Protein backbone atom coordinates (compact mmCIF):
# COMPACT_ATOMS: atom_id res chain seq x y z
CA MET A 1 -159.75 -205.13 -58.11
CA GLU A 2 -156.90 -202.77 -57.19
CA GLN A 3 -156.75 -199.13 -56.26
CA LEU A 4 -153.91 -196.76 -56.77
CA PRO A 5 -153.77 -193.09 -55.74
CA SER A 6 -155.59 -192.06 -52.57
CA ILE A 7 -155.76 -189.26 -50.00
CA ASP A 8 -156.64 -190.06 -46.40
CA LEU A 9 -157.24 -187.94 -43.32
CA VAL A 10 -155.84 -189.78 -40.32
CA VAL A 11 -156.84 -189.02 -36.74
CA SER A 12 -154.80 -190.89 -34.17
CA THR A 13 -153.79 -190.51 -30.55
CA PRO A 14 -150.04 -191.21 -30.25
CA PRO A 15 -148.85 -194.14 -28.14
CA PRO A 16 -146.70 -193.50 -25.04
CA TRP A 17 -143.49 -194.22 -26.92
CA ARG A 18 -144.16 -191.62 -29.60
CA ARG A 19 -144.26 -187.90 -28.95
CA SER A 20 -146.43 -186.27 -31.60
CA THR A 21 -149.75 -184.53 -31.96
CA PRO A 22 -152.91 -186.69 -31.95
CA ILE A 23 -154.42 -185.92 -35.37
CA GLN A 24 -152.60 -187.05 -38.50
CA PRO A 25 -153.82 -186.50 -42.08
CA THR A 26 -152.31 -188.59 -44.88
CA ALA A 27 -152.06 -188.31 -48.66
CA ARG A 28 -151.16 -191.22 -50.93
CA PRO A 29 -151.65 -192.65 -54.44
CA ARG A 30 -153.55 -195.95 -54.73
CA LEU A 31 -153.80 -198.73 -57.34
CA LEU A 32 -156.59 -201.35 -57.29
CA ARG A 33 -157.13 -204.63 -59.13
CA LEU A 34 -160.54 -206.29 -59.48
CA THR A 35 -160.63 -209.86 -60.79
CA CYS A 36 -163.65 -210.06 -63.09
CA GLN A 37 -165.73 -212.98 -64.34
CA VAL A 38 -165.75 -212.09 -68.04
CA ASN A 39 -162.53 -211.58 -70.00
CA SER A 40 -159.98 -209.65 -68.01
CA ASN A 41 -159.07 -207.99 -64.73
CA ILE A 42 -159.57 -204.26 -64.27
CA ASP A 43 -157.05 -201.87 -62.70
CA PRO A 44 -158.83 -198.65 -61.72
CA ILE A 45 -156.83 -195.76 -60.29
CA GLY A 46 -158.22 -193.01 -58.08
CA GLY A 47 -158.21 -191.48 -54.64
CA THR A 48 -159.10 -192.29 -51.04
CA GLY A 49 -160.09 -189.93 -48.24
CA GLY A 50 -160.54 -191.00 -44.67
CA VAL A 51 -159.78 -190.64 -40.99
CA TYR A 52 -158.43 -192.91 -38.27
CA TYR A 53 -158.29 -192.56 -34.51
CA ASP A 54 -156.05 -194.66 -32.23
CA PHE A 55 -157.76 -195.07 -28.87
CA LYS A 56 -156.12 -197.84 -26.81
CA THR A 57 -152.64 -199.17 -26.03
CA ILE A 58 -152.07 -202.83 -25.16
CA GLY A 59 -148.38 -203.48 -24.57
CA PRO A 60 -146.52 -202.63 -27.79
CA VAL A 61 -149.78 -202.46 -29.78
CA ARG A 62 -151.90 -199.36 -30.38
CA LEU A 63 -155.52 -200.07 -31.43
CA GLY A 64 -157.60 -197.68 -33.50
CA ALA A 65 -160.60 -197.24 -35.78
CA ASP A 66 -160.42 -196.30 -39.46
CA LEU A 67 -163.00 -194.89 -41.86
CA ARG A 68 -162.19 -194.34 -45.54
CA GLY A 69 -163.92 -193.65 -48.83
CA THR A 70 -162.49 -194.45 -52.27
CA ILE A 71 -163.29 -193.38 -55.83
CA THR A 72 -161.45 -195.18 -58.63
CA ASP A 73 -162.02 -195.67 -62.35
CA SER A 74 -160.35 -196.88 -65.52
CA LYS A 75 -160.82 -196.29 -69.26
CA GLN A 76 -160.40 -200.03 -69.85
CA GLY A 77 -163.29 -202.33 -68.96
CA ALA A 78 -163.24 -206.08 -68.41
CA TYR A 79 -163.57 -206.89 -72.12
CA THR A 80 -160.45 -208.06 -73.98
CA PHE A 81 -161.81 -207.11 -77.40
CA SER A 82 -162.64 -203.47 -76.58
CA ARG A 83 -162.43 -200.82 -73.87
CA GLY A 84 -166.14 -201.16 -73.26
CA GLY A 85 -167.56 -198.54 -70.94
CA GLY A 86 -164.50 -198.48 -68.69
CA ALA A 87 -164.60 -199.59 -65.04
CA ARG A 88 -165.62 -197.99 -61.75
CA ILE A 89 -165.30 -198.88 -58.07
CA TYR A 90 -166.58 -196.60 -55.30
CA SER A 91 -166.41 -197.73 -51.68
CA THR A 92 -166.89 -196.67 -48.07
CA LEU A 93 -165.14 -198.90 -45.52
CA GLY A 94 -164.85 -198.90 -41.75
CA GLY A 95 -162.45 -201.04 -39.79
CA ILE A 96 -160.12 -201.75 -36.89
CA ARG A 97 -156.36 -201.16 -37.08
CA ALA A 98 -153.37 -202.10 -34.93
CA THR A 99 -150.03 -200.25 -34.97
CA PHE A 100 -146.95 -202.01 -33.56
CA HIS A 101 -144.07 -200.48 -31.61
CA THR A 102 -140.65 -201.50 -32.99
CA PRO A 103 -137.09 -201.23 -31.59
CA TRP A 104 -136.59 -198.38 -34.04
CA ALA A 105 -139.22 -195.83 -32.96
CA PRO A 106 -139.60 -194.05 -36.35
CA VAL A 107 -140.81 -197.28 -38.01
CA LYS A 108 -144.51 -197.99 -37.39
CA PRO A 109 -145.94 -201.10 -39.08
CA TYR A 110 -149.70 -201.62 -38.92
CA VAL A 111 -152.44 -204.03 -39.98
CA GLN A 112 -156.11 -203.35 -40.53
CA VAL A 113 -159.36 -205.16 -41.32
CA SER A 114 -162.18 -203.19 -42.98
CA ALA A 115 -165.63 -203.83 -44.43
CA GLY A 116 -168.40 -201.76 -45.94
CA LEU A 117 -170.34 -200.80 -49.05
CA ALA A 118 -168.92 -200.73 -52.58
CA ARG A 119 -170.52 -199.74 -55.87
CA SER A 120 -169.13 -201.06 -59.13
CA ASP A 121 -170.00 -201.83 -62.73
CA TYR A 122 -167.34 -204.61 -62.70
CA GLY A 123 -165.99 -203.22 -65.98
CA LEU A 124 -169.08 -204.55 -67.79
CA TYR A 125 -171.99 -203.12 -69.69
CA THR A 126 -175.57 -203.75 -68.55
CA THR A 127 -178.10 -204.36 -71.33
CA VAL A 128 -181.22 -202.27 -70.79
CA VAL A 129 -184.38 -201.61 -72.81
CA ALA A 130 -184.03 -198.26 -74.58
CA ILE A 131 -187.36 -198.48 -76.40
CA PRO A 132 -189.97 -200.99 -75.17
CA ALA A 133 -191.72 -203.42 -77.50
CA THR A 134 -194.77 -202.06 -79.27
CA THR A 135 -197.72 -203.57 -81.14
CA VAL A 136 -199.11 -201.98 -84.29
CA THR A 137 -202.01 -202.88 -86.55
CA THR A 138 -201.57 -202.60 -90.29
CA SER A 139 -204.21 -201.27 -92.70
CA SER A 140 -205.13 -204.85 -93.50
CA GLY A 141 -205.87 -205.54 -89.85
CA THR A 142 -202.74 -207.61 -89.19
CA THR A 143 -201.16 -207.12 -85.80
CA ILE A 144 -197.37 -206.78 -85.77
CA THR A 145 -195.19 -206.74 -82.66
CA ILE A 146 -192.04 -204.64 -82.91
CA PRO A 147 -189.37 -206.02 -80.55
CA PRO A 148 -187.75 -203.76 -77.96
CA VAL A 149 -184.62 -201.81 -78.75
CA LEU A 150 -181.79 -202.81 -76.40
CA GLN A 151 -178.86 -200.64 -75.40
CA ASN A 152 -175.62 -201.23 -73.49
CA LYS A 153 -175.25 -198.84 -70.55
CA VAL A 154 -172.90 -198.37 -67.61
CA VAL A 155 -174.79 -199.28 -64.42
CA THR A 156 -173.21 -199.50 -60.96
CA TYR A 157 -174.48 -201.98 -58.36
CA ASN A 158 -174.28 -202.19 -54.57
CA ASN A 159 -171.84 -204.72 -53.11
CA PHE A 160 -170.47 -205.84 -49.77
CA GLN A 161 -166.69 -205.27 -49.67
CA TYR A 162 -164.17 -206.57 -47.14
CA GLU A 163 -160.42 -206.06 -47.23
CA GLY A 164 -157.37 -206.59 -45.05
CA PHE A 165 -154.47 -204.13 -45.12
CA ALA A 166 -150.84 -204.13 -43.99
CA GLY A 167 -148.48 -201.18 -44.22
CA VAL A 168 -145.50 -199.32 -42.80
CA ASP A 169 -145.16 -195.65 -41.81
CA VAL A 170 -141.74 -194.07 -41.19
CA LYS A 171 -141.35 -190.79 -39.28
CA VAL A 172 -139.33 -188.30 -41.35
CA LEU A 173 -140.23 -185.00 -39.63
CA PRO A 174 -141.89 -184.06 -36.32
CA ILE A 175 -145.05 -183.24 -38.28
CA MET A 176 -144.85 -185.88 -41.04
CA ASP A 177 -144.56 -189.63 -41.63
CA PHE A 178 -143.87 -191.31 -44.96
CA ARG A 179 -146.25 -194.17 -45.70
CA VAL A 180 -143.79 -196.46 -47.44
CA VAL A 181 -146.42 -198.92 -48.63
CA GLU A 182 -149.91 -200.19 -47.90
CA LEU A 183 -151.04 -203.50 -49.40
CA GLY A 184 -154.62 -204.71 -49.34
CA TYR A 185 -156.48 -207.86 -50.34
CA GLY A 186 -160.12 -208.81 -50.06
CA ALA A 187 -163.23 -209.17 -52.19
CA VAL A 188 -166.36 -207.47 -53.48
CA ASN A 189 -169.57 -209.52 -53.21
CA SER A 190 -172.57 -208.44 -55.25
CA PHE A 191 -175.99 -208.56 -53.58
CA GLY A 192 -178.90 -210.64 -54.84
CA THR A 193 -179.69 -214.25 -55.68
CA ASN A 194 -177.08 -214.36 -58.46
CA SER A 195 -174.32 -212.81 -56.38
CA HIS A 196 -170.70 -213.22 -57.43
CA ASN A 197 -167.41 -212.84 -55.54
CA TYR A 198 -164.83 -210.55 -57.15
CA PRO A 199 -161.35 -210.72 -55.51
CA ILE A 200 -159.79 -207.27 -55.04
CA GLY A 201 -156.29 -206.08 -54.20
CA SER A 202 -154.78 -202.64 -53.61
CA LEU A 203 -151.41 -200.90 -53.46
CA SER A 204 -150.67 -197.40 -52.16
CA SER A 205 -147.97 -195.14 -50.72
CA GLY A 206 -148.08 -191.62 -49.33
CA VAL A 207 -147.59 -189.13 -46.52
CA VAL A 208 -149.02 -188.80 -42.99
CA PHE A 209 -149.20 -185.36 -41.37
CA HIS A 210 -149.46 -184.80 -37.59
CA LEU A 211 -151.89 -182.01 -36.71
CA PRO A 212 -151.64 -179.96 -33.50
CA PHE A 213 -155.01 -181.05 -32.08
């Protein structure tokens, strides 16, 4: 499962080697890929909004917390023979991040591990009962059972999602960084006795703004 465009709000306290304001919003596009169990992978595109706060320095490493929410969808579902009902992945993740000081101060690589709740239809229809079965009695007294009418619908389910990220920010202005790339890989695990693991990956790039507070 991959995610493309996203917009994040970043809150971070700058490390001693970087002179900038503490709060930094970011904006970036994101692409996701979800590996499905039916016919095909799905590649929903959407947006992410979030905030991070860096709170502790250990040597050349700055530790922080990250919270982000993502909404992505696609017209193409997991079926190879049709578009189906499309595909949807919505998630809210919290995690821990680490930014590393480099010999070239403007370059700021980071890694992050996040987990949280995701909702998805996995690019598949869910068959539901549109009209329940009924029993009728004919004029001759014979009882006839009319079977239920089934219908394919788009239904999203709760899942546990975990994902690791690695990326690089480059300072381009006193108030702005360019997020060159962020790569992510993890999985979505559906709840219940028949749970299934869906590998997910993401790709994004964007901009980080430093706010004066």
